[in-house]
């Protein structure tokens, strides 16, 4: 029987054809002959305790000028999907939270959701990393200015960042003599109303912020080092960094080993770890990227690896 796959994502017309990881997943699913359906957050709803979606049949192509086609809208009970990919990019805001709650009902109705909605609710990408202190640099999460200033005074060179951003947005490096430390803290905490993260600056960022992808508990053997542009602190590709694929080091494999048991426990099938130097800095569970760059540089097909894992899980049900 053909597998029926639904995907919840940002507007497909706005994605980057050359880089988008969701598109790589959809190509792999199409190559398997699966039926594809497209949804945005606004299309999901609950009716009498069941999850539904106003979805559109989707076809995808490896043609930058014509990479997708959408069919006519149809209402589908989300429990009728074999698998649903949650690929809406952060930030994890109130609409995102509500979407995960509807997806949780879809899972109770019978669909397999990747990643598990309960885990998405539980695992903030920056806070989740702090569950592995043996892997992390010195880090503090608070909204108190006095604690943040004390952390800065102790470590002298720190990173301040929001807990719900992506792509390197609103990340500040604050050196020992920075006269703007107070205003940066006020801005990020919204005058003490929002928790933020303070992290000791890791000089190895100059060599890249490495994204390591893990599929069903197995690391892809190569990671993408996102190297900051000249004059930048952030390695994020969205902030102008360049991506250079590199084999995983022994330390990086050790970090994976520390994290993987928890990923399995929480049923997180597709995850991206961010590692700078010897340290884990984030565990990305919402919409991990960098598939396309690693596929291109090493002749991989990570989307197919993920679809094979999904198929194996469905067959084991």
Protein backbone atom coordinates (compact mmCIF):
# COMPACT_ATOMS: atom_id res chain seq x y z
CA UNK A 1 0.00 0.00 0.00
CA UNK A 2 1.28 3.48 -0.87
CA UNK A 3 2.39 5.52 2.13
CA UNK A 4 0.48 8.77 2.58
CA UNK A 5 2.80 11.54 3.75
CA UNK A 6 1.71 15.00 4.87
CA UNK A 7 4.12 17.86 5.44
CA UNK A 8 3.53 20.98 7.53
CA UNK A 9 5.94 23.67 6.39
CA UNK A 10 6.46 27.33 5.57
CA UNK A 11 4.94 28.52 2.27
CA UNK A 12 6.53 26.28 -0.34
CA UNK A 13 6.81 29.10 -2.87
CA UNK A 14 9.19 30.95 -0.53
CA UNK A 15 11.73 28.18 0.12
CA UNK A 16 15.30 28.23 -1.24
CA UNK A 17 15.43 25.61 -3.99
CA UNK A 18 19.20 25.14 -3.67
CA UNK A 19 19.32 24.67 0.11
CA UNK A 20 15.96 23.52 1.44
CA UNK A 21 16.12 20.30 3.47
CA UNK A 22 12.36 19.71 3.41
CA UNK A 23 12.51 19.58 -0.38
CA UNK A 24 15.21 16.89 -0.15
CA UNK A 25 12.90 14.86 2.08
CA UNK A 26 10.00 15.28 -0.33
CA UNK A 27 12.15 14.20 -3.30
CA UNK A 28 13.11 11.05 -1.41
CA UNK A 29 9.49 10.28 -0.51
CA UNK A 30 8.44 10.85 -4.13
CA UNK A 31 11.20 8.51 -5.32
CA UNK A 32 9.64 5.86 -3.09
CA UNK A 33 6.29 6.38 -4.78
CA UNK A 34 4.61 7.85 -1.71
CA UNK A 35 1.61 10.17 -1.95
CA UNK A 36 2.46 13.70 -0.78
CA UNK A 37 0.20 16.33 0.77
CA UNK A 38 1.06 19.92 1.65
CA UNK A 39 -0.15 21.93 4.65
CA UNK A 40 0.67 25.18 6.40
CA UNK A 41 -0.01 25.92 10.07
CA UNK A 42 -3.21 27.79 9.22
CA UNK A 43 -4.63 24.67 7.56
CA UNK A 44 -4.72 22.49 10.71
CA UNK A 45 -7.74 22.36 12.97
CA UNK A 46 -9.62 20.31 15.54
CA UNK A 47 -13.26 19.30 15.14
CA UNK A 48 -15.06 17.31 17.84
CA UNK A 49 -11.78 16.13 19.26
CA UNK A 50 -10.21 14.96 15.99
CA UNK A 51 -7.42 16.58 13.98
CA UNK A 52 -8.11 17.67 10.40
CA UNK A 53 -6.24 19.57 7.71
CA UNK A 54 -7.22 21.48 4.60
CA UNK A 55 -4.42 20.01 2.49
CA UNK A 56 -3.35 19.92 -1.14
CA UNK A 57 -1.85 17.02 -3.09
CA UNK A 58 1.79 17.84 -3.81
CA UNK A 59 4.17 16.86 -6.59
CA UNK A 60 7.86 17.80 -6.47
CA UNK A 61 10.46 18.04 -9.22
CA UNK A 62 14.21 18.59 -9.51
CA UNK A 63 13.77 21.70 -11.61
CA UNK A 64 14.58 25.11 -10.10
CA UNK A 65 12.07 26.80 -12.39
CA UNK A 66 9.28 24.35 -11.58
CA UNK A 67 9.97 22.38 -8.42
CA UNK A 68 6.44 21.81 -7.16
CA UNK A 69 2.79 21.55 -8.14
CA UNK A 70 -0.21 21.69 -5.83
CA UNK A 71 -3.58 20.09 -6.46
CA UNK A 72 -7.00 21.17 -5.27
CA UNK A 73 -7.75 21.58 -1.59
CA UNK A 74 -9.28 18.67 0.25
CA UNK A 75 -10.13 18.09 3.89
CA UNK A 76 -8.29 15.10 5.33
CA UNK A 77 -8.54 13.59 8.78
CA UNK A 78 -4.93 13.81 9.91
CA UNK A 79 -5.08 10.36 11.45
CA UNK A 80 -5.44 9.03 7.90
CA UNK A 81 -1.88 10.08 7.07
CA UNK A 82 0.70 7.36 7.61
CA UNK A 83 3.31 9.99 8.51
CA UNK A 84 3.34 13.75 8.98
CA UNK A 85 6.57 15.75 8.77
CA UNK A 86 6.55 18.83 11.00
CA UNK A 87 8.90 21.14 9.13
CA UNK A 88 7.72 24.61 10.15
CA UNK A 89 10.78 26.71 10.93
CA UNK A 90 11.19 28.39 14.32
CA UNK A 91 10.58 30.63 16.19
CA UNK A 92 8.66 28.43 18.59
CA UNK A 93 5.91 30.96 19.23
CA UNK A 94 2.27 30.59 20.34
CA UNK A 95 0.99 29.54 16.86
CA UNK A 96 3.81 26.94 16.68
CA UNK A 97 2.84 25.62 20.10
CA UNK A 98 -0.81 25.29 19.05
CA UNK A 99 0.26 23.47 15.88
CA UNK A 100 2.20 20.90 17.92
CA UNK A 101 -0.88 20.35 20.08
CA UNK A 102 -3.02 19.63 17.01
CA UNK A 103 -0.28 17.31 15.71
CA UNK A 104 -0.30 15.52 19.04
CA UNK A 105 -3.99 14.80 18.48
CA UNK A 106 -3.18 13.65 14.92
CA UNK A 107 -0.72 11.18 16.44
CA UNK A 108 -3.38 9.92 18.83
CA UNK A 109 -5.68 9.58 15.82
CA UNK A 110 -3.17 7.21 14.19
CA UNK A 111 -0.57 9.21 12.25
CA UNK A 112 3.16 9.01 12.93
CA UNK A 113 4.49 12.56 13.42
CA UNK A 114 8.18 13.38 12.86
CA UNK A 115 9.34 14.72 15.21
CA UNK A 116 7.13 13.62 18.10
CA UNK A 117 4.92 16.62 19.02
CA UNK A 118 5.28 16.06 22.76
CA UNK A 119 9.05 16.25 22.38
CA UNK A 120 8.76 19.43 20.33
CA UNK A 121 6.82 20.99 23.19
CA UNK A 122 9.35 19.82 25.78
CA UNK A 123 12.65 20.43 24.00
CA UNK A 124 13.54 24.05 23.45
CA UNK A 125 16.58 23.86 21.19
CA UNK A 126 18.88 25.87 23.44
CA UNK A 127 17.55 24.67 26.80
CA UNK A 128 17.56 21.02 25.69
CA UNK A 129 21.33 21.16 25.24
CA UNK A 130 21.75 22.05 28.92
CA UNK A 131 20.50 18.55 29.83
CA UNK A 132 23.98 17.38 28.79
CA UNK A 133 26.24 19.56 30.97
CA UNK A 134 29.21 17.26 30.37
CA UNK A 135 29.07 18.35 26.72
CA UNK A 136 28.37 22.07 27.13
CA UNK A 137 30.41 25.22 27.76
CA UNK A 138 29.71 27.43 30.79
CA UNK A 139 26.11 28.55 30.34
CA UNK A 140 23.42 30.45 32.26
CA UNK A 141 19.70 30.87 31.58
CA UNK A 142 17.99 33.74 33.38
CA UNK A 143 16.16 37.00 32.90
CA UNK A 144 17.82 38.70 35.88
CA UNK A 145 20.21 41.45 34.82
CA UNK A 146 22.36 41.08 37.94
CA UNK A 147 23.03 37.39 37.22
CA UNK A 148 23.78 38.07 33.56
CA UNK A 149 26.18 40.88 34.46
CA UNK A 150 27.91 38.64 37.00
CA UNK A 151 28.30 35.92 34.35
CA UNK A 152 29.79 38.49 31.98
CA UNK A 153 32.14 39.80 34.68
CA UNK A 154 33.34 36.25 35.47
CA UNK A 155 33.91 35.07 31.90
CA UNK A 156 34.71 38.46 30.30
CA UNK A 157 33.85 37.36 26.75
CA UNK A 158 30.33 35.93 26.39
CA UNK A 159 27.46 35.33 24.02
CA UNK A 160 23.96 36.54 24.89
CA UNK A 161 21.11 35.10 22.84
CA UNK A 162 17.33 34.61 22.95
CA UNK A 163 15.91 31.15 23.59
CA UNK A 164 13.55 31.03 20.62
CA UNK A 165 15.46 32.47 17.66
CA UNK A 166 16.93 30.84 14.57
CA UNK A 167 19.48 31.58 11.89
CA UNK A 168 21.72 33.54 14.25
CA UNK A 169 19.15 36.27 14.89
CA UNK A 170 19.69 38.58 17.90
CA UNK A 171 22.93 36.90 19.01
CA UNK A 172 25.36 39.29 20.71
CA UNK A 173 29.01 38.79 21.54
CA UNK A 174 29.87 40.94 24.57
CA UNK A 175 33.56 41.45 25.35
CA UNK A 176 35.04 42.54 28.68
CA UNK A 177 35.11 46.27 27.91
CA UNK A 178 31.77 46.46 26.07
CA UNK A 179 29.93 49.61 27.18
CA UNK A 180 26.61 48.29 25.87
CA UNK A 181 26.24 45.26 28.16
CA UNK A 182 23.32 46.78 30.10
CA UNK A 183 21.34 47.82 27.03
CA UNK A 184 21.95 44.45 25.35
CA UNK A 185 20.60 42.65 28.42
CA UNK A 186 17.63 45.02 28.61
CA UNK A 187 16.86 44.50 24.93
CA UNK A 188 17.14 40.71 24.91
CA UNK A 189 15.27 40.19 28.19
CA UNK A 190 12.68 42.82 27.22
CA UNK A 191 13.39 44.68 30.44
CA UNK A 192 13.58 41.54 32.53
CA UNK A 193 10.43 39.86 31.22
CA UNK A 194 12.05 37.15 29.04
CA UNK A 195 14.56 34.42 29.85
CA UNK A 196 17.71 34.45 27.72
CA UNK A 197 20.90 32.39 27.51
CA UNK A 198 24.41 33.53 28.39
CA UNK A 199 27.22 31.33 27.12
CA UNK A 200 30.97 31.58 27.50
CA UNK A 201 32.46 32.61 24.15
CA UNK A 202 34.12 29.71 22.34
CA UNK A 203 37.07 30.95 20.23
CA UNK A 204 36.86 27.86 18.00
CA UNK A 205 33.83 29.44 16.33
CA UNK A 206 36.36 30.81 13.81
CA UNK A 207 36.71 27.21 12.54
CA UNK A 208 32.96 26.77 12.28
CA UNK A 209 29.75 25.93 14.09
CA UNK A 210 29.29 22.29 13.08
CA UNK A 211 25.85 20.88 12.36
CA UNK A 212 25.67 17.13 12.97
CA UNK A 213 22.54 15.31 11.75
CA UNK A 214 21.23 12.25 13.58
CA UNK A 215 18.66 9.97 11.93
CA UNK A 216 16.88 7.50 14.20
CA UNK A 217 19.77 7.38 16.65
CA UNK A 218 22.57 7.14 14.06
CA UNK A 219 24.82 10.14 13.27
CA UNK A 220 25.51 10.98 9.65
CA UNK A 221 29.33 10.49 9.49
CA UNK A 222 29.93 14.02 8.15
CA UNK A 223 28.88 17.36 9.62
CA UNK A 224 28.61 20.80 8.06
CA UNK A 225 30.95 23.36 9.61
CA UNK A 226 29.34 26.75 9.14
CA UNK A 227 32.26 29.16 9.10
CA UNK A 228 31.59 32.82 9.93
CA UNK A 229 32.08 35.47 7.30
CA UNK A 230 34.90 37.95 7.86
CA UNK A 231 34.09 40.20 10.82
CA UNK A 232 31.22 37.99 11.99
CA UNK A 233 30.80 35.99 15.20
CA UNK A 234 27.91 33.85 13.90
CA UNK A 235 28.51 30.87 11.66
CA UNK A 236 24.86 30.46 10.64
CA UNK A 237 24.38 30.20 6.87
CA UNK A 238 21.50 32.68 7.20
CA UNK A 239 24.01 35.14 8.68
CA UNK A 240 26.45 34.78 5.76
CA UNK A 241 28.52 31.82 6.94
CA UNK A 242 29.85 29.32 4.44
CA UNK A 243 29.27 25.58 4.79
CA UNK A 244 32.22 23.19 4.66
CA UNK A 245 31.58 19.46 5.15
CA UNK A 246 33.93 17.59 7.48
CA UNK A 247 34.13 14.11 8.94
CA UNK A 248 33.03 13.80 12.56
CA UNK A 249 35.82 13.87 15.12
CA UNK A 250 36.20 11.46 18.01
CA UNK A 251 34.96 14.18 20.41
CA UNK A 252 31.91 14.86 18.24
CA UNK A 253 31.04 11.16 18.14
CA UNK A 254 31.35 11.11 21.94
CA UNK A 255 28.91 14.03 22.17
CA UNK A 256 26.49 12.13 19.92
CA UNK A 257 26.78 9.11 22.20
CA UNK A 258 25.87 11.27 25.19
CA UNK A 259 22.77 12.67 23.53
CA UNK A 260 21.38 9.74 21.50
CA UNK A 261 19.84 7.75 24.41
CA UNK A 262 17.69 10.77 25.30
CA UNK A 263 16.72 11.31 21.66
CA UNK A 264 15.51 7.72 21.50
CA UNK A 265 13.66 8.05 24.79
CA UNK A 266 11.83 11.13 23.51
CA UNK A 267 11.19 9.59 20.07
CA UNK A 268 13.11 12.29 18.20
CA UNK A 269 13.80 10.74 14.82
CA UNK A 270 15.59 13.58 13.02
CA UNK A 271 17.79 15.95 15.03
CA UNK A 272 20.60 18.40 14.38
CA UNK A 273 23.33 18.96 16.98
CA UNK A 274 25.33 22.18 16.90
CA UNK A 275 28.92 21.80 18.09
CA UNK A 276 31.58 24.51 18.41
CA UNK A 277 35.05 23.23 19.19
CA UNK A 278 34.59 20.61 21.91
CA UNK A 279 31.18 21.84 23.03
CA UNK A 280 27.53 21.12 22.32
CA UNK A 281 25.63 24.42 22.01
CA UNK A 282 22.18 23.48 20.66
CA UNK A 283 20.00 20.45 19.93
CA UNK A 284 17.76 21.30 16.97
CA UNK A 285 14.52 19.31 16.93
CA UNK A 286 12.00 21.52 15.13
CA UNK A 287 13.27 21.77 11.56
CA UNK A 288 16.94 20.72 11.24
CA UNK A 289 18.67 21.77 8.02
CA UNK A 290 21.96 21.23 6.11
CA UNK A 291 20.83 18.06 4.29
CA UNK A 292 21.42 19.52 0.86
CA UNK A 293 24.95 20.78 1.54
CA UNK A 294 26.08 17.44 2.97
CA UNK A 295 24.40 15.52 0.15
CA UNK A 296 26.16 17.67 -2.44
CA UNK A 297 29.60 17.52 -0.83
CA UNK A 298 29.68 13.81 0.01
CA UNK A 299 27.29 12.16 -2.45
CA UNK A 300 24.79 11.30 0.30
CA UNK A 301 21.02 11.05 0.24
CA UNK A 302 20.07 11.93 3.81
CA UNK A 303 16.44 12.47 2.88
CA UNK A 304 16.27 8.85 1.70
CA UNK A 305 18.01 7.66 4.86
CA UNK A 306 15.26 9.38 6.85
CA UNK A 307 12.46 8.00 4.66
CA UNK A 308 13.90 4.49 5.00
CA UNK A 309 13.83 4.87 8.79
CA UNK A 310 10.24 6.13 8.69
CA UNK A 311 9.21 3.23 6.45
CA UNK A 312 10.85 0.72 8.79
CA UNK A 313 8.97 2.18 11.74
CA UNK A 314 5.68 2.09 9.87
CA UNK A 315 6.24 -1.54 8.88
CA UNK A 316 6.99 -2.43 12.49
CA UNK A 317 3.66 -1.07 13.72
